[in-house]
N, C-alpha and C. Protein backbone atom coordinates (compact mmCIF):
# COMPACT_ATOMS: atom_id res chain seq x y z
N UNK A 1 13.47 -18.10 12.74
CA UNK A 1 12.21 -17.39 13.00
C UNK A 1 12.09 -16.20 12.04
N UNK A 2 10.94 -16.05 11.39
CA UNK A 2 10.75 -14.97 10.44
C UNK A 2 10.41 -13.67 11.17
N UNK A 3 10.79 -12.58 10.55
CA UNK A 3 10.49 -11.26 11.09
C UNK A 3 9.06 -10.86 10.74
N UNK A 4 8.52 -9.82 11.38
CA UNK A 4 7.19 -9.34 11.00
C UNK A 4 7.21 -8.78 9.57
N UNK A 5 6.08 -8.86 8.91
CA UNK A 5 5.91 -8.32 7.58
C UNK A 5 5.83 -6.80 7.65
N UNK A 6 6.61 -6.11 6.82
CA UNK A 6 6.55 -4.64 6.77
C UNK A 6 5.43 -4.23 5.81
N UNK A 7 4.35 -3.70 6.36
CA UNK A 7 3.19 -3.29 5.57
C UNK A 7 3.08 -1.76 5.60
N UNK A 8 2.98 -1.15 4.42
CA UNK A 8 2.87 0.30 4.34
C UNK A 8 1.63 0.66 3.52
N UNK A 9 0.77 1.48 4.11
CA UNK A 9 -0.41 1.97 3.42
C UNK A 9 -0.17 3.37 2.90
N UNK A 10 -0.58 3.62 1.67
CA UNK A 10 -0.48 4.95 1.06
C UNK A 10 -1.89 5.43 0.75
N UNK A 11 -2.30 6.49 1.44
CA UNK A 11 -3.64 7.04 1.33
C UNK A 11 -3.61 8.33 0.52
N UNK A 12 -4.27 8.32 -0.64
CA UNK A 12 -4.25 9.48 -1.52
C UNK A 12 -5.35 10.49 -1.28
N UNK A 13 -6.09 10.35 -0.19
CA UNK A 13 -7.20 11.27 0.09
C UNK A 13 -6.71 12.60 0.65
N UNK A 14 -7.45 13.65 0.35
CA UNK A 14 -7.17 14.98 0.93
C UNK A 14 -8.03 15.24 2.16
N UNK A 15 -9.01 14.40 2.41
CA UNK A 15 -9.95 14.63 3.49
C UNK A 15 -9.49 14.10 4.83
N UNK A 16 -10.07 14.65 5.88
CA UNK A 16 -9.84 14.16 7.25
C UNK A 16 -11.07 14.48 8.08
N UNK A 17 -11.75 13.45 8.60
CA UNK A 17 -11.44 12.01 8.46
C UNK A 17 -11.66 11.55 7.02
N UNK A 18 -11.10 10.40 6.70
CA UNK A 18 -11.08 9.94 5.32
C UNK A 18 -11.59 8.51 5.21
N UNK A 19 -12.54 8.29 4.31
CA UNK A 19 -13.02 6.93 4.05
C UNK A 19 -11.90 6.08 3.45
N UNK A 20 -11.07 6.72 2.64
CA UNK A 20 -9.95 5.98 2.03
C UNK A 20 -8.98 5.52 3.11
N UNK A 21 -8.70 6.36 4.08
CA UNK A 21 -7.83 5.97 5.19
C UNK A 21 -8.45 4.81 5.96
N UNK A 22 -9.77 4.85 6.17
CA UNK A 22 -10.45 3.76 6.88
C UNK A 22 -10.34 2.46 6.09
N UNK A 23 -10.43 2.54 4.76
CA UNK A 23 -10.30 1.35 3.93
C UNK A 23 -8.89 0.78 4.01
N UNK A 24 -7.89 1.66 3.95
CA UNK A 24 -6.50 1.21 4.10
C UNK A 24 -6.31 0.52 5.45
N UNK A 25 -6.84 1.12 6.50
CA UNK A 25 -6.70 0.54 7.84
C UNK A 25 -7.37 -0.83 7.94
N UNK A 26 -8.51 -0.98 7.25
CA UNK A 26 -9.21 -2.27 7.27
C UNK A 26 -8.39 -3.35 6.58
N UNK A 27 -7.70 -2.99 5.50
CA UNK A 27 -6.87 -3.96 4.80
C UNK A 27 -5.64 -4.31 5.64
N UNK A 28 -5.05 -3.30 6.27
CA UNK A 28 -3.91 -3.56 7.16
C UNK A 28 -4.33 -4.48 8.31
N UNK A 29 -5.50 -4.22 8.88
CA UNK A 29 -5.98 -5.04 10.00
C UNK A 29 -6.18 -6.48 9.57
N UNK A 30 -6.73 -6.68 8.38
CA UNK A 30 -6.93 -8.04 7.88
C UNK A 30 -5.60 -8.74 7.67
N UNK A 31 -4.63 -8.01 7.12
CA UNK A 31 -3.30 -8.61 6.94
C UNK A 31 -2.71 -9.00 8.30
N UNK A 32 -2.93 -8.16 9.30
CA UNK A 32 -2.43 -8.44 10.63
C UNK A 32 -3.07 -9.65 11.28
N UNK A 33 -4.29 -9.98 10.85
CA UNK A 33 -4.94 -11.19 11.36
C UNK A 33 -4.35 -12.45 10.73
N UNK A 34 -3.68 -12.31 9.61
CA UNK A 34 -3.13 -13.46 8.89
C UNK A 34 -1.70 -13.80 9.28
N UNK A 35 -0.92 -12.76 9.64
CA UNK A 35 0.48 -12.98 10.01
C UNK A 35 0.99 -11.77 10.78
N UNK A 36 2.08 -11.92 11.53
CA UNK A 36 2.62 -10.77 12.27
C UNK A 36 3.08 -9.67 11.32
N UNK A 37 2.73 -8.43 11.64
CA UNK A 37 3.11 -7.31 10.79
C UNK A 37 3.63 -6.14 11.62
N UNK A 38 4.37 -5.28 10.95
CA UNK A 38 4.69 -3.93 11.41
C UNK A 38 4.10 -3.00 10.36
N UNK A 39 3.19 -2.13 10.75
CA UNK A 39 2.48 -1.34 9.74
C UNK A 39 2.62 0.16 9.97
N UNK A 40 2.56 0.87 8.85
CA UNK A 40 2.52 2.33 8.87
C UNK A 40 1.56 2.77 7.77
N UNK A 41 0.94 3.93 7.98
CA UNK A 41 0.10 4.52 6.93
C UNK A 41 0.53 5.96 6.72
N UNK A 42 0.69 6.31 5.46
CA UNK A 42 1.06 7.68 5.12
C UNK A 42 -0.08 8.31 4.33
N UNK A 43 -0.51 9.50 4.77
CA UNK A 43 -1.56 10.25 4.11
C UNK A 43 -0.90 11.38 3.32
N UNK A 44 -1.02 11.35 1.99
CA UNK A 44 -0.28 12.33 1.19
C UNK A 44 -0.65 13.76 1.53
N UNK A 45 -1.89 13.98 1.95
CA UNK A 45 -2.33 15.34 2.27
C UNK A 45 -1.58 15.93 3.45
N UNK A 46 -1.03 15.07 4.32
CA UNK A 46 -0.35 15.57 5.51
C UNK A 46 1.17 15.52 5.39
N UNK A 47 1.65 15.22 4.20
CA UNK A 47 3.10 15.30 3.98
C UNK A 47 3.52 16.72 3.65
N UNK A 48 2.54 17.59 3.40
CA UNK A 48 2.78 19.02 3.33
C UNK A 48 3.56 19.50 2.12
N UNK A 49 4.06 20.73 2.28
CA UNK A 49 4.77 21.38 1.17
C UNK A 49 6.04 20.63 0.81
N UNK A 50 6.58 19.87 1.75
CA UNK A 50 7.79 19.10 1.46
C UNK A 50 7.58 18.09 0.36
N UNK A 51 6.33 17.71 0.13
CA UNK A 51 6.00 16.83 -0.99
C UNK A 51 5.44 17.64 -2.15
N UNK A 52 4.47 18.49 -1.88
CA UNK A 52 3.71 19.11 -2.97
C UNK A 52 4.53 20.10 -3.80
N UNK A 53 5.55 20.72 -3.21
CA UNK A 53 6.34 21.69 -3.97
C UNK A 53 7.61 21.10 -4.57
N UNK A 54 7.87 19.83 -4.29
CA UNK A 54 9.10 19.20 -4.80
C UNK A 54 8.93 18.83 -6.26
N UNK A 55 9.86 19.29 -7.09
CA UNK A 55 9.83 18.96 -8.51
C UNK A 55 10.60 17.67 -8.80
N UNK A 56 11.47 17.29 -7.89
CA UNK A 56 12.14 16.00 -8.00
C UNK A 56 12.49 15.50 -6.60
N UNK A 57 13.02 14.29 -6.53
CA UNK A 57 13.26 13.63 -5.23
C UNK A 57 14.23 14.42 -4.36
N UNK A 58 15.18 15.09 -4.95
CA UNK A 58 16.18 15.83 -4.18
C UNK A 58 15.57 17.00 -3.42
N UNK A 59 14.36 17.41 -3.79
CA UNK A 59 13.75 18.60 -3.16
C UNK A 59 12.77 18.27 -2.04
N UNK A 60 12.47 16.99 -1.80
CA UNK A 60 11.51 16.67 -0.74
C UNK A 60 12.14 16.89 0.62
N UNK A 61 11.31 17.17 1.63
CA UNK A 61 11.82 17.35 2.98
C UNK A 61 11.94 15.99 3.68
N UNK A 62 12.40 16.01 4.93
CA UNK A 62 12.69 14.77 5.65
C UNK A 62 11.43 13.93 5.85
N UNK A 63 10.29 14.57 6.11
CA UNK A 63 9.04 13.84 6.34
C UNK A 63 8.60 13.09 5.08
N UNK A 64 8.64 13.77 3.94
CA UNK A 64 8.25 13.13 2.69
C UNK A 64 9.25 12.04 2.30
N UNK A 65 10.54 12.30 2.54
CA UNK A 65 11.56 11.30 2.22
C UNK A 65 11.36 10.04 3.05
N UNK A 66 10.99 10.21 4.32
CA UNK A 66 10.71 9.06 5.18
C UNK A 66 9.57 8.22 4.60
N UNK A 67 8.51 8.88 4.14
CA UNK A 67 7.38 8.17 3.56
C UNK A 67 7.77 7.44 2.28
N UNK A 68 8.54 8.11 1.43
CA UNK A 68 8.98 7.50 0.18
C UNK A 68 9.83 6.26 0.45
N UNK A 69 10.75 6.36 1.39
CA UNK A 69 11.62 5.22 1.70
C UNK A 69 10.83 4.08 2.33
N UNK A 70 9.84 4.41 3.14
CA UNK A 70 9.03 3.37 3.76
C UNK A 70 8.28 2.57 2.69
N UNK A 71 7.69 3.26 1.72
CA UNK A 71 6.99 2.57 0.63
C UNK A 71 7.98 1.73 -0.17
N UNK A 72 9.13 2.29 -0.47
CA UNK A 72 10.13 1.57 -1.27
C UNK A 72 10.67 0.33 -0.55
N UNK A 73 10.68 0.36 0.78
CA UNK A 73 11.22 -0.75 1.55
C UNK A 73 10.19 -1.71 2.09
N UNK A 74 8.93 -1.54 1.69
CA UNK A 74 7.85 -2.37 2.23
C UNK A 74 7.86 -3.77 1.64
N UNK A 75 7.38 -4.72 2.44
CA UNK A 75 7.12 -6.07 1.93
C UNK A 75 5.77 -6.11 1.22
N UNK A 76 4.86 -5.26 1.67
CA UNK A 76 3.52 -5.18 1.08
C UNK A 76 3.08 -3.72 1.11
N UNK A 77 2.63 -3.22 -0.04
CA UNK A 77 2.12 -1.85 -0.14
C UNK A 77 0.62 -1.91 -0.40
N UNK A 78 -0.12 -1.11 0.35
CA UNK A 78 -1.55 -0.94 0.10
C UNK A 78 -1.72 0.46 -0.46
N UNK A 79 -2.02 0.54 -1.75
CA UNK A 79 -2.09 1.82 -2.45
C UNK A 79 -3.55 2.16 -2.70
N UNK A 80 -4.00 3.27 -2.12
CA UNK A 80 -5.42 3.62 -2.18
C UNK A 80 -5.62 5.09 -2.46
N UNK A 81 -6.63 5.38 -3.25
CA UNK A 81 -6.98 6.77 -3.53
C UNK A 81 -8.49 6.89 -3.71
N UNK A 82 -9.05 8.02 -3.32
CA UNK A 82 -10.43 8.29 -3.74
C UNK A 82 -10.44 8.59 -5.24
N UNK A 83 -11.58 8.41 -5.85
CA UNK A 83 -11.70 8.70 -7.28
C UNK A 83 -11.90 10.20 -7.46
N UNK A 84 -11.00 10.82 -8.21
CA UNK A 84 -11.11 12.23 -8.57
C UNK A 84 -11.20 12.33 -10.08
N UNK A 85 -12.35 12.72 -10.59
CA UNK A 85 -12.57 12.89 -12.03
C UNK A 85 -12.12 11.66 -12.82
N UNK A 86 -12.50 10.52 -12.32
CA UNK A 86 -12.25 9.28 -13.02
C UNK A 86 -10.88 8.67 -12.80
N UNK A 87 -10.08 9.28 -11.91
CA UNK A 87 -8.73 8.76 -11.70
C UNK A 87 -8.34 8.94 -10.23
N UNK A 88 -7.06 8.70 -9.94
CA UNK A 88 -6.55 8.90 -8.58
C UNK A 88 -6.26 10.38 -8.35
N UNK A 89 -6.04 10.74 -7.10
CA UNK A 89 -5.78 12.14 -6.77
C UNK A 89 -4.43 12.58 -7.31
N UNK A 90 -4.31 13.88 -7.58
CA UNK A 90 -3.07 14.42 -8.14
C UNK A 90 -1.89 14.26 -7.21
N UNK A 91 -2.10 14.48 -5.91
CA UNK A 91 -0.99 14.38 -4.96
C UNK A 91 -0.54 12.93 -4.78
N UNK A 92 -1.49 12.00 -4.90
CA UNK A 92 -1.14 10.57 -4.88
C UNK A 92 -0.20 10.26 -6.04
N UNK A 93 -0.57 10.73 -7.25
CA UNK A 93 0.27 10.48 -8.42
C UNK A 93 1.62 11.16 -8.27
N UNK A 94 1.65 12.36 -7.71
CA UNK A 94 2.91 13.08 -7.51
C UNK A 94 3.84 12.28 -6.59
N UNK A 95 3.27 11.71 -5.53
CA UNK A 95 4.06 10.88 -4.62
C UNK A 95 4.64 9.69 -5.38
N UNK A 96 3.81 9.01 -6.14
CA UNK A 96 4.28 7.84 -6.89
C UNK A 96 5.34 8.24 -7.91
N UNK A 97 5.19 9.41 -8.51
CA UNK A 97 6.18 9.88 -9.48
C UNK A 97 7.56 10.07 -8.84
N UNK A 98 7.60 10.33 -7.54
CA UNK A 98 8.87 10.56 -6.86
C UNK A 98 9.52 9.28 -6.36
N UNK A 99 8.82 8.16 -6.42
CA UNK A 99 9.42 6.88 -6.05
C UNK A 99 10.49 6.50 -7.08
N UNK A 100 11.52 5.81 -6.61
CA UNK A 100 12.48 5.24 -7.55
C UNK A 100 11.73 4.32 -8.51
N UNK A 101 12.03 4.43 -9.79
CA UNK A 101 11.25 3.72 -10.80
C UNK A 101 11.24 2.21 -10.60
N UNK A 102 12.31 1.66 -10.02
CA UNK A 102 12.41 0.21 -9.88
C UNK A 102 12.26 -0.29 -8.44
N UNK A 103 11.96 0.63 -7.52
CA UNK A 103 11.90 0.26 -6.10
C UNK A 103 10.77 -0.71 -5.80
N UNK A 104 9.68 -0.65 -6.56
CA UNK A 104 8.53 -1.52 -6.29
C UNK A 104 8.50 -2.73 -7.22
N UNK A 105 9.54 -2.93 -8.00
CA UNK A 105 9.57 -4.08 -8.90
C UNK A 105 9.42 -5.37 -8.10
N UNK A 106 8.40 -6.15 -8.42
CA UNK A 106 8.09 -7.43 -7.78
C UNK A 106 7.61 -7.28 -6.34
N UNK A 107 7.33 -6.07 -5.90
CA UNK A 107 6.77 -5.86 -4.56
C UNK A 107 5.27 -6.13 -4.57
N UNK A 108 4.76 -6.95 -3.66
CA UNK A 108 3.31 -7.18 -3.60
C UNK A 108 2.55 -5.89 -3.25
N UNK A 109 1.49 -5.64 -4.00
CA UNK A 109 0.68 -4.43 -3.82
C UNK A 109 -0.80 -4.81 -3.87
N UNK A 110 -1.56 -4.26 -2.93
CA UNK A 110 -3.03 -4.35 -2.96
C UNK A 110 -3.56 -2.97 -3.34
N UNK A 111 -4.38 -2.92 -4.37
CA UNK A 111 -4.96 -1.66 -4.83
C UNK A 111 -6.34 -1.46 -4.22
N UNK A 112 -6.63 -0.22 -3.85
CA UNK A 112 -7.94 0.09 -3.25
C UNK A 112 -8.36 1.49 -3.66
N UNK A 113 -9.67 1.71 -3.68
CA UNK A 113 -10.20 3.02 -4.03
C UNK A 113 -11.54 3.23 -3.38
N UNK A 114 -11.90 4.49 -3.23
CA UNK A 114 -13.22 4.86 -2.72
C UNK A 114 -13.85 5.87 -3.68
N UNK A 115 -15.18 5.88 -3.72
CA UNK A 115 -15.88 6.81 -4.58
C UNK A 115 -17.30 7.02 -4.12
N UNK A 116 -17.96 7.96 -4.76
CA UNK A 116 -19.32 8.29 -4.35
C UNK A 116 -20.34 7.22 -4.67
N UNK A 117 -20.08 6.43 -5.72
CA UNK A 117 -21.02 5.37 -6.10
C UNK A 117 -20.27 4.23 -6.77
N UNK A 118 -20.98 3.15 -7.03
CA UNK A 118 -20.37 1.96 -7.64
C UNK A 118 -19.85 2.23 -9.05
N UNK A 119 -20.37 3.24 -9.73
CA UNK A 119 -20.00 3.46 -11.13
C UNK A 119 -18.53 3.86 -11.30
N UNK A 120 -17.88 4.22 -10.19
CA UNK A 120 -16.47 4.63 -10.28
C UNK A 120 -15.48 3.49 -10.05
N UNK A 121 -15.96 2.29 -9.80
CA UNK A 121 -15.05 1.24 -9.37
C UNK A 121 -14.07 0.78 -10.45
N UNK A 122 -14.37 1.04 -11.72
CA UNK A 122 -13.44 0.65 -12.77
C UNK A 122 -12.14 1.44 -12.73
N UNK A 123 -12.11 2.51 -11.93
CA UNK A 123 -10.86 3.24 -11.77
C UNK A 123 -9.73 2.33 -11.30
N UNK A 124 -10.07 1.33 -10.50
CA UNK A 124 -9.05 0.39 -10.02
C UNK A 124 -8.30 -0.25 -11.19
N UNK A 125 -9.04 -0.73 -12.18
CA UNK A 125 -8.42 -1.46 -13.29
C UNK A 125 -7.97 -0.56 -14.43
N UNK A 126 -8.62 0.58 -14.59
CA UNK A 126 -8.28 1.45 -15.71
C UNK A 126 -7.20 2.47 -15.38
N UNK A 127 -7.01 2.77 -14.09
CA UNK A 127 -6.05 3.80 -13.70
C UNK A 127 -4.98 3.27 -12.75
N UNK A 128 -5.39 2.74 -11.60
CA UNK A 128 -4.41 2.30 -10.61
C UNK A 128 -3.59 1.10 -11.08
N UNK A 129 -4.25 0.11 -11.67
CA UNK A 129 -3.52 -1.11 -12.07
C UNK A 129 -2.44 -0.81 -13.12
N UNK A 130 -2.72 -0.03 -14.17
CA UNK A 130 -1.65 0.29 -15.12
C UNK A 130 -0.50 1.06 -14.50
N UNK A 131 -0.81 1.94 -13.55
CA UNK A 131 0.25 2.72 -12.90
C UNK A 131 1.23 1.81 -12.17
N UNK A 132 0.70 0.86 -11.40
CA UNK A 132 1.59 -0.02 -10.64
C UNK A 132 2.16 -1.15 -11.50
N UNK A 133 1.49 -1.46 -12.59
CA UNK A 133 2.08 -2.40 -13.55
C UNK A 133 3.31 -1.77 -14.19
N UNK A 134 3.26 -0.47 -14.50
CA UNK A 134 4.42 0.22 -15.04
C UNK A 134 5.61 0.13 -14.08
N UNK A 135 5.32 0.19 -12.77
CA UNK A 135 6.37 0.09 -11.76
C UNK A 135 6.81 -1.36 -11.53
N UNK A 136 6.20 -2.30 -12.27
CA UNK A 136 6.54 -3.73 -12.21
C UNK A 136 6.24 -4.36 -10.85
N UNK A 137 5.23 -3.80 -10.17
CA UNK A 137 4.81 -4.37 -8.88
C UNK A 137 4.07 -5.68 -9.11
N UNK A 138 4.03 -6.50 -8.07
CA UNK A 138 3.26 -7.75 -8.09
C UNK A 138 1.89 -7.43 -7.49
N UNK A 139 0.92 -7.18 -8.35
CA UNK A 139 -0.37 -6.65 -7.93
C UNK A 139 -1.36 -7.79 -7.64
N UNK A 140 -2.02 -7.71 -6.51
CA UNK A 140 -3.07 -8.69 -6.20
C UNK A 140 -4.14 -8.63 -7.27
N UNK A 141 -4.59 -9.78 -7.78
CA UNK A 141 -5.65 -9.78 -8.79
C UNK A 141 -6.94 -9.14 -8.30
N UNK A 142 -7.15 -9.14 -7.00
CA UNK A 142 -8.40 -8.62 -6.42
C UNK A 142 -8.16 -7.22 -5.85
N UNK A 143 -8.73 -6.21 -6.52
CA UNK A 143 -8.71 -4.87 -5.96
C UNK A 143 -9.89 -4.67 -5.03
N UNK A 144 -9.83 -3.62 -4.22
CA UNK A 144 -10.89 -3.38 -3.23
C UNK A 144 -11.47 -1.98 -3.46
N UNK A 145 -12.77 -1.93 -3.75
CA UNK A 145 -13.46 -0.66 -3.95
C UNK A 145 -14.58 -0.53 -2.94
N UNK A 146 -14.72 0.66 -2.39
CA UNK A 146 -15.82 0.94 -1.46
C UNK A 146 -16.44 2.28 -1.81
N UNK A 147 -17.76 2.33 -1.81
CA UNK A 147 -18.48 3.58 -2.08
C UNK A 147 -18.97 4.19 -0.77
N UNK A 148 -19.50 5.39 -0.87
CA UNK A 148 -19.94 6.10 0.34
C UNK A 148 -20.93 5.28 1.17
N UNK A 149 -21.81 4.53 0.51
CA UNK A 149 -22.82 3.76 1.22
C UNK A 149 -22.28 2.57 1.98
N UNK A 150 -20.99 2.25 1.78
CA UNK A 150 -20.38 1.13 2.49
C UNK A 150 -19.85 1.52 3.87
N UNK A 151 -19.95 2.81 4.19
CA UNK A 151 -19.42 3.32 5.46
C UNK A 151 -20.54 3.92 6.30
N UNK A 152 -20.34 3.86 7.60
CA UNK A 152 -21.22 4.56 8.53
C UNK A 152 -20.34 5.18 9.61
N UNK A 153 -20.41 6.50 9.73
CA UNK A 153 -19.55 7.18 10.69
C UNK A 153 -18.08 6.98 10.40
N UNK A 154 -17.74 6.81 9.12
CA UNK A 154 -16.35 6.62 8.74
C UNK A 154 -15.85 5.20 8.87
N UNK A 155 -16.70 4.30 9.38
CA UNK A 155 -16.29 2.91 9.57
C UNK A 155 -16.85 2.04 8.45
N UNK A 156 -16.00 1.17 7.91
CA UNK A 156 -16.41 0.26 6.85
C UNK A 156 -17.32 -0.82 7.43
N UNK A 157 -18.54 -0.95 6.87
CA UNK A 157 -19.51 -1.89 7.42
C UNK A 157 -20.00 -2.94 6.43
N UNK A 158 -19.77 -2.74 5.14
CA UNK A 158 -20.31 -3.64 4.13
C UNK A 158 -19.55 -4.98 4.13
N UNK A 159 -20.23 -6.10 4.42
CA UNK A 159 -19.54 -7.39 4.47
C UNK A 159 -19.01 -7.83 3.11
N UNK A 160 -19.61 -7.35 2.01
CA UNK A 160 -19.10 -7.70 0.69
C UNK A 160 -17.73 -7.06 0.43
N UNK A 161 -17.56 -5.84 0.89
CA UNK A 161 -16.25 -5.19 0.75
C UNK A 161 -15.23 -5.91 1.64
N UNK A 162 -15.65 -6.28 2.84
CA UNK A 162 -14.76 -7.02 3.74
C UNK A 162 -14.34 -8.35 3.10
N UNK A 163 -15.26 -8.99 2.39
CA UNK A 163 -14.94 -10.25 1.72
C UNK A 163 -13.89 -10.03 0.63
N UNK A 164 -13.97 -8.91 -0.07
CA UNK A 164 -12.95 -8.62 -1.09
C UNK A 164 -11.60 -8.33 -0.45
N UNK A 165 -11.62 -7.67 0.70
CA UNK A 165 -10.38 -7.44 1.43
C UNK A 165 -9.73 -8.78 1.79
N UNK A 166 -10.54 -9.68 2.30
CA UNK A 166 -10.02 -11.00 2.69
C UNK A 166 -9.45 -11.74 1.49
N UNK A 167 -10.12 -11.63 0.35
CA UNK A 167 -9.64 -12.29 -0.86
C UNK A 167 -8.32 -11.68 -1.34
N UNK A 168 -8.23 -10.36 -1.34
CA UNK A 168 -7.00 -9.69 -1.77
C UNK A 168 -5.82 -10.08 -0.89
N UNK A 169 -6.05 -10.14 0.41
CA UNK A 169 -5.00 -10.52 1.35
C UNK A 169 -4.63 -11.99 1.16
N UNK A 170 -5.64 -12.83 1.01
CA UNK A 170 -5.39 -14.27 0.84
C UNK A 170 -4.61 -14.56 -0.44
N UNK A 171 -4.88 -13.81 -1.50
CA UNK A 171 -4.19 -14.02 -2.78
C UNK A 171 -2.68 -13.89 -2.63
N UNK A 172 -2.23 -12.97 -1.78
CA UNK A 172 -0.80 -12.68 -1.67
C UNK A 172 -0.12 -13.45 -0.54
N UNK A 173 -0.89 -14.12 0.30
CA UNK A 173 -0.30 -14.75 1.48
C UNK A 173 0.81 -15.76 1.15
N UNK A 174 0.61 -16.69 0.20
CA UNK A 174 1.69 -17.64 -0.08
C UNK A 174 2.98 -16.96 -0.53
N UNK A 175 2.85 -15.93 -1.35
CA UNK A 175 4.03 -15.20 -1.82
C UNK A 175 4.74 -14.50 -0.67
N UNK A 176 3.98 -13.85 0.20
CA UNK A 176 4.58 -13.13 1.32
C UNK A 176 5.25 -14.10 2.30
N UNK A 177 4.61 -15.22 2.60
CA UNK A 177 5.21 -16.20 3.49
C UNK A 177 6.50 -16.76 2.91
N UNK A 178 6.50 -17.03 1.63
CA UNK A 178 7.69 -17.55 0.97
C UNK A 178 8.84 -16.56 1.05
N UNK A 179 8.54 -15.30 0.85
CA UNK A 179 9.60 -14.28 0.89
C UNK A 179 10.16 -14.11 2.30
N UNK A 180 9.30 -14.15 3.29
CA UNK A 180 9.78 -14.03 4.66
C UNK A 180 10.66 -15.22 5.03
N UNK A 181 10.28 -16.41 4.57
CA UNK A 181 11.10 -17.59 4.84
C UNK A 181 12.44 -17.50 4.12
N UNK A 182 12.44 -16.97 2.90
CA UNK A 182 13.70 -16.78 2.17
C UNK A 182 14.60 -15.79 2.90
N UNK A 183 14.00 -14.70 3.39
CA UNK A 183 14.77 -13.70 4.14
C UNK A 183 15.39 -14.31 5.39
N UNK A 184 14.60 -15.14 6.10
CA UNK A 184 15.09 -15.79 7.31
C UNK A 184 16.24 -16.74 6.99
N UNK A 185 16.11 -17.47 5.89
CA UNK A 185 17.18 -18.40 5.48
C UNK A 185 18.46 -17.66 5.13
N UNK A 186 18.32 -16.55 4.38
CA UNK A 186 19.49 -15.76 4.00
C UNK A 186 20.15 -15.15 5.23
N UNK A 187 19.34 -14.66 6.17
CA UNK A 187 19.89 -14.08 7.39
C UNK A 187 20.64 -15.13 8.20
N UNK A 188 20.10 -16.35 8.26
CA UNK A 188 20.75 -17.44 9.00
C UNK A 188 22.08 -17.80 8.33
N UNK A 189 22.09 -17.84 7.02
CA UNK A 189 23.33 -18.16 6.30
C UNK A 189 24.39 -17.09 6.53
N UNK A 190 23.98 -15.83 6.54
CA UNK A 190 24.93 -14.74 6.79
C UNK A 190 25.49 -14.83 8.21
N UNK A 191 24.62 -15.22 9.16
CA UNK A 191 25.06 -15.35 10.56
C UNK A 191 26.13 -16.43 10.68
N UNK A 192 25.93 -17.53 9.97
CA UNK A 192 26.91 -18.63 10.01
C UNK A 192 28.24 -18.16 9.44
N UNK A 193 28.21 -17.40 8.35
CA UNK A 193 29.44 -16.90 7.73
C UNK A 193 30.15 -15.92 8.63
N UNK A 194 29.38 -15.03 9.30
CA UNK A 194 30.00 -13.99 10.14
C UNK A 194 30.45 -14.53 11.49
N UNK A 195 29.87 -15.65 11.94
CA UNK A 195 30.24 -16.26 13.23
C UNK A 195 30.67 -17.72 13.01
N UNK A 196 31.81 -17.96 12.35
CA UNK A 196 32.22 -19.33 12.09
C UNK A 196 32.54 -20.08 13.38
N UNK A 197 32.34 -21.38 13.35
CA UNK A 197 32.67 -22.21 14.52
C UNK A 197 34.18 -22.21 14.71
N UNK A 198 34.60 -21.98 15.93
CA UNK A 198 36.04 -21.93 16.22
C UNK A 198 36.51 -23.23 16.83
C-alpha cells in the first residue's frame, strides 16, 4: 500500500489574506482530488525574522528551518509568488536561496503566480521556470497564472484558471504515482530484509 503524497505549498506573498495563498490552496485541493495527500503551506511573510535576517542556512530559526526541510522533503512542491516588478517577491527568492542546492533535483514542481493583470503572466516562464530549472526540479510544463479579476472575495472563480490547475496536476500524476509505487516496493523489500523468515 502506498503512503500519502507529501505536498508542500510555498507562498511568496506578503499580503493577508492573499490571492496567491488561495491559488496555492486550489492547486493542493485539486491534487488531493486525484490521490491521497498530506499537505502543508508555508507563507514566507509569516516565517518572520528567523528567515528574513538569516544570511545563510545556519542562521535561520526553528520555524524557518522546519519550512525549508518540508520543501526539501516534499514529493510535490507548489511554488507560487505574486508578481513584484516583473519577478517573484524578494523574500520568496531569499527562501529559495537558503534551500540546499540539490534538494529539489528531480522533485516535481508546479509553478504558479498572481498579478494585477494578464500582462504579467510571462513571469512564470521568464523568472520562476529558470529559477527552478537551476535547482534541477522536474517542472510541470503547465504553469498556473491568475490575475485580480479571477478572484472574488479572495476565492478563485475563473474556470479557465481551474482548467490550467487540472492540467498541471494531471501532467505530473503518472510520475508521482510511479514514485509512490517505487517507494512502497523499496519499503517492502527493506521489511523482508529486516524481518527474515525463521
